């Protein structure tokens, strides 16, 4: 599966104010976009449950970026998994191995997601 949008990094997905942590508008927009994509492009019906349920899995995330700016790929994993949780899998704790790569100067931003279960 390919998501043709850049997932916000952890630094851009959540903000802290005093003792409160809140979700940013950028991250809310990304989550809404991905939920629509999963439904329309990939035909996932959430009323029937998640794609792989509660099975353990390996996740491979292939991030791609248009520009040359260096990015810490680990900052993109948690917001992406939190977006996919409840849609592709029940909980991100089911993931027992993560493979993450990044590529720069690509034609578009996005992330390819491959789940092995």
C-alpha atoms as a PDB file:
ATOM      1  CA  UNK A   1       0.000   0.000   0.000  1.00  0.00           C
ATOM      2  CA  UNK A   2       1.247   3.480  -0.808  1.00  0.00           C
ATOM      3  CA  UNK A   3       0.224   6.693   0.934  1.00  0.00           C
ATOM      4  CA  UNK A   4       1.026   9.658  -1.282  1.00  0.00           C
ATOM      5  CA  UNK A   5       1.338  12.169   1.540  1.00  0.00           C
ATOM      6  CA  UNK A   6       4.138  12.853   3.986  1.00  0.00           C
ATOM      7  CA  UNK A   7       3.321  11.642   7.453  1.00  0.00           C
ATOM      8  CA  UNK A   8       4.001  14.391   9.984  1.00  0.00           C
ATOM      9  CA  UNK A   9       6.992  13.667  12.186  1.00  0.00           C
ATOM     10  CA  UNK A  10       6.457  13.128  15.892  1.00  0.00           C
ATOM     11  CA  UNK A  11       7.631  16.709  16.401  1.00  0.00           C
ATOM     12  CA  UNK A  12       4.896  18.004  14.069  1.00  0.00           C
ATOM     13  CA  UNK A  13       2.117  15.588  15.096  1.00  0.00           C
ATOM     14  CA  UNK A  14       1.844  16.494  18.769  1.00  0.00           C
ATOM     15  CA  UNK A  15       2.332  19.689  20.734  1.00  0.00           C
ATOM     16  CA  UNK A  16       2.728  20.222  24.460  1.00  0.00           C
ATOM     17  CA  UNK A  17       1.246  23.054  26.490  1.00  0.00           C
ATOM     18  CA  UNK A  18       1.862  22.849  30.202  1.00  0.00           C
ATOM     19  CA  UNK A  19       0.693  19.413  31.331  1.00  0.00           C
ATOM     20  CA  UNK A  20      -1.321  18.844  28.164  1.00  0.00           C
ATOM     21  CA  UNK A  21      -0.407  17.093  24.933  1.00  0.00           C
ATOM     22  CA  UNK A  22      -2.604  17.678  21.909  1.00  0.00           C
ATOM     23  CA  UNK A  23      -2.811  16.583  18.281  1.00  0.00           C
ATOM     24  CA  UNK A  24      -1.945  19.245  15.702  1.00  0.00           C
ATOM     25  CA  UNK A  25      -4.240  20.203  12.820  1.00  0.00           C
ATOM     26  CA  UNK A  26      -1.615  18.901  10.357  1.00  0.00           C
ATOM     27  CA  UNK A  27      -1.703  15.439  11.949  1.00  0.00           C
ATOM     28  CA  UNK A  28      -5.527  15.399  12.136  1.00  0.00           C
ATOM     29  CA  UNK A  29      -5.651  16.221   8.405  1.00  0.00           C
ATOM     30  CA  UNK A  30      -3.196  13.409   7.616  1.00  0.00           C
ATOM     31  CA  UNK A  31      -5.173  10.854   9.680  1.00  0.00           C
ATOM     32  CA  UNK A  32      -8.432  11.825   7.975  1.00  0.00           C
ATOM     33  CA  UNK A  33      -6.792  11.553   4.541  1.00  0.00           C
ATOM     34  CA  UNK A  34      -5.350   8.082   5.289  1.00  0.00           C
ATOM     35  CA  UNK A  35      -8.645   6.788   6.716  1.00  0.00           C
ATOM     36  CA  UNK A  36     -10.422   7.883   3.541  1.00  0.00           C
ATOM     37  CA  UNK A  37      -7.704   6.328   1.380  1.00  0.00           C
ATOM     38  CA  UNK A  38      -7.954   3.000   3.203  1.00  0.00           C
ATOM     39  CA  UNK A  39     -11.701   2.965   2.655  1.00  0.00           C
ATOM     40  CA  UNK A  40     -11.928   4.191  -0.936  1.00  0.00           C
ATOM     41  CA  UNK A  41      -8.701   2.969  -2.561  1.00  0.00           C
ATOM     42  CA  UNK A  42      -8.152  -0.231  -0.598  1.00  0.00           C
ATOM     43  CA  UNK A  43     -11.742  -1.137   0.280  1.00  0.00           C
ATOM     44  CA  UNK A  44     -11.215  -1.622   4.009  1.00  0.00           C
ATOM     45  CA  UNK A  45     -14.510  -1.823   5.866  1.00  0.00           C
ATOM     46  CA  UNK A  46     -13.892  -0.945   9.502  1.00  0.00           C
ATOM     47  CA  UNK A  47     -17.234  -2.403  10.559  1.00  0.00           C
ATOM     48  CA  UNK A  48     -15.746  -5.844   9.852  1.00  0.00           C
ATOM     49  CA  UNK A  49     -12.664  -5.157  11.996  1.00  0.00           C
ATOM     50  CA  UNK A  50      -9.038  -4.513  11.138  1.00  0.00           C
ATOM     51  CA  UNK A  51      -7.185  -6.099   8.244  1.00  0.00           C
ATOM     52  CA  UNK A  52      -4.983  -8.455  10.278  1.00  0.00           C
ATOM     53  CA  UNK A  53      -6.778  -8.368  13.624  1.00  0.00           C
ATOM     54  CA  UNK A  54      -4.638  -9.130  16.654  1.00  0.00           C
ATOM     55  CA  UNK A  55      -1.980 -11.261  14.902  1.00  0.00           C
ATOM     56  CA  UNK A  56       1.693 -10.368  15.401  1.00  0.00           C
ATOM     57  CA  UNK A  57       3.327  -8.801  12.345  1.00  0.00           C
ATOM     58  CA  UNK A  58       6.454  -7.284  10.844  1.00  0.00           C
ATOM     59  CA  UNK A  59       6.105  -3.782   9.407  1.00  0.00           C
ATOM     60  CA  UNK A  60       8.169  -2.387   6.565  1.00  0.00           C
ATOM     61  CA  UNK A  61       7.921   1.343   5.940  1.00  0.00           C
ATOM     62  CA  UNK A  62       9.611   2.857   2.876  1.00  0.00           C
ATOM     63  CA  UNK A  63       9.550   6.627   3.278  1.00  0.00           C
ATOM     64  CA  UNK A  64      10.304   8.843   0.296  1.00  0.00           C
ATOM     65  CA  UNK A  65      10.850  12.573   0.187  1.00  0.00           C
ATOM     66  CA  UNK A  66      11.025  15.020  -2.736  1.00  0.00           C
ATOM     67  CA  UNK A  67      13.702  17.247  -1.292  1.00  0.00           C
ATOM     68  CA  UNK A  68      17.255  16.784  -0.069  1.00  0.00           C
ATOM     69  CA  UNK A  69      16.580  17.838   3.547  1.00  0.00           C
ATOM     70  CA  UNK A  70      17.818  15.116   5.898  1.00  0.00           C
ATOM     71  CA  UNK A  71      15.155  13.556   8.089  1.00  0.00           C
ATOM     72  CA  UNK A  72      15.201  11.218  11.083  1.00  0.00           C
ATOM     73  CA  UNK A  73      13.033   8.351   9.828  1.00  0.00           C
ATOM     74  CA  UNK A  74      12.348   7.099  13.356  1.00  0.00           C
ATOM     75  CA  UNK A  75      10.369  10.302  14.045  1.00  0.00           C
ATOM     76  CA  UNK A  76       7.864   9.314  11.345  1.00  0.00           C
ATOM     77  CA  UNK A  77       7.146   5.762  12.518  1.00  0.00           C
ATOM     78  CA  UNK A  78       5.043   6.406  15.648  1.00  0.00           C
ATOM     79  CA  UNK A  79       2.612   8.897  14.047  1.00  0.00           C
ATOM     80  CA  UNK A  80       2.199   6.558  11.066  1.00  0.00           C
ATOM     81  CA  UNK A  81       1.530   3.517  13.255  1.00  0.00           C
ATOM     82  CA  UNK A  82      -0.936   5.465  15.377  1.00  0.00           C
ATOM     83  CA  UNK A  83      -2.764   6.443  12.172  1.00  0.00           C
ATOM     84  CA  UNK A  84      -2.935   2.825  10.952  1.00  0.00           C
ATOM     85  CA  UNK A  85      -3.940   1.422  14.358  1.00  0.00           C
ATOM     86  CA  UNK A  86      -7.578   0.375  14.356  1.00  0.00           C
ATOM     87  CA  UNK A  87      -7.582   0.074  10.569  1.00  0.00           C
ATOM     88  CA  UNK A  88      -4.839  -2.322   9.486  1.00  0.00           C
ATOM     89  CA  UNK A  89      -4.115  -3.828  12.911  1.00  0.00           C
ATOM     90  CA  UNK A  90      -5.658  -3.718  16.366  1.00  0.00           C
ATOM     91  CA  UNK A  91      -2.670  -2.262  18.231  1.00  0.00           C
ATOM     92  CA  UNK A  92       0.856  -1.224  17.291  1.00  0.00           C
ATOM     93  CA  UNK A  93       2.238  -3.395  20.109  1.00  0.00           C
ATOM     94  CA  UNK A  94       1.559  -6.399  17.818  1.00  0.00           C
ATOM     95  CA  UNK A  95       4.482  -5.285  15.657  1.00  0.00           C
ATOM     96  CA  UNK A  96       7.548  -7.244  16.713  1.00  0.00           C
ATOM     97  CA  UNK A  97       9.925  -5.982  14.014  1.00  0.00           C
ATOM     98  CA  UNK A  98      10.138  -2.746  12.048  1.00  0.00           C
ATOM     99  CA  UNK A  99      12.094  -2.229   8.857  1.00  0.00           C
ATOM    100  CA  UNK A 100      12.296   1.440   7.872  1.00  0.00           C
ATOM    101  CA  UNK A 101      14.090   3.019   4.936  1.00  0.00           C
ATOM    102  CA  UNK A 102      14.139   6.486   3.436  1.00  0.00           C
ATOM    103  CA  UNK A 103      14.968   7.890   0.023  1.00  0.00           C
ATOM    104  CA  UNK A 104      15.583  11.500  -0.975  1.00  0.00           C
ATOM    105  CA  UNK A 105      15.038  13.401  -4.231  1.00  0.00           C
ATOM    106  CA  UNK A 106      12.080  11.234  -5.226  1.00  0.00           C
ATOM    107  CA  UNK A 107       9.292  12.354  -7.618  1.00  0.00           C
ATOM    108  CA  UNK A 108       6.823  12.658  -4.729  1.00  0.00           C
ATOM    109  CA  UNK A 109       6.513  12.445  -0.958  1.00  0.00           C
ATOM    110  CA  UNK A 110       4.934   9.380   0.576  1.00  0.00           C
ATOM    111  CA  UNK A 111       5.353   6.061   2.304  1.00  0.00           C
ATOM    112  CA  UNK A 112       4.956   2.490   1.125  1.00  0.00           C
ATOM    113  CA  UNK A 113       3.627   0.145   3.810  1.00  0.00           C
ATOM    114  CA  UNK A 114       4.184  -3.594   3.759  1.00  0.00           C
ATOM    115  CA  UNK A 115       2.899  -5.807   6.577  1.00  0.00           C
ATOM    116  CA  UNK A 116       4.048  -9.414   6.975  1.00  0.00           C
ATOM    117  CA  UNK A 117       1.829 -11.597   9.155  1.00  0.00           C
END
